[in-house]
């Protein structure tokens, strides 16, 4: 029996799963854009995706100046077994840790609650709010310490079937829309270099302003993505043209065995010839030609039922995306709340119909980083 005095002075024991991990598994902070251990970790987790990739992390860092870091857990031999990529942001809205700014989903890569607990302790040592976007609702996505601040739909189309079977799985209205685009003379071809990217961004700025009253990501963000994914053969921008006129465009990015439908923009006056449906069908063909197993159609907010129906009509499977926020006990940030309100008001002014698109585009270049 341990003497009573010694029991009284003993260290408080952690929960069981953490107690087993803590003595033998260390958490280290690394730069995931260059450290080979991050790629080793991604290979361990097949469910990791585009937004975990070093190319994406580099593009975010290049465009916005965020210092992207990863907290990784290693076993006693130094092999990475769990991790999470984050950026520590401290700006007008206050300090916060985000996994990961301007990324649709970047789940913690963990295989047990115990691993997540150790990573979480490392993350909250900063005593800042922590923001996650999780597709996996089994571990971090189910952590009751986090508030669910938003939900969205996520759609992925399996490409395991032959092209004829995929065509047969489309909704009848989708097949009719593809045929209408082709009859109307819409053609799809790759966007030509820097000029094509500028044309896409022009559509992007106009669409965000006119349809959503939102500022657009800066051209520099897309240039950074083009550079980083171009280096690894993952940059695939497609445009829909009527003659020489660009009426819609989709930027597809490849990572691993999946092609991602990442950005889309279109001319609102040309939607009646269904260019976006044709672009998505072209994306399916592109993915199959690249040997991809899936076309990831990405997230859609719940308040966009038309876009949800559009993705479902291609036969895509649906999951839930959770936007999560953890605030340290007693956390208050009234100045940050005021800054967010101000950003909203400024955005409303700069996206008014009478404001030229060029002005809205320049405003996005200046202000978009503050929406992280």
Foldseek 3Di string as FASTA:
>chain_A
DDDPVVVVPDDDADPDLQNVAVVFKDKDKDQLLPDVLLVLQCVVPVPFDDLSDSLNVQLVCQQQVFRKIKIFIAGNVRRTHWIAIWTFDADQLGTEIERYPPDQFTDTGHDDQNVVVVVVVVVCVVQHKYKGKDQDCPHPVVDPLKDFPFKWKWWKFFPPDDPVVLLVLFAPVLNVLLVLLVVLQKDKDFQPPPVSLVLQVLQQLLCCLPPPLFFGAASSSVVSSCVSQVVVVFWTKMFIDRVPDTFKIFTWGDDDQEIERDDIGGHPVPCVSPRVSNVVSVVSVVSVVVRHRMYIDTIDGPVCVVVVVSRVSSVIDMTMMTIIMRHRPPDDRVSSVVVVVVVVVVSNVCSPPVHDSVSSNVVNSVPVSVVD
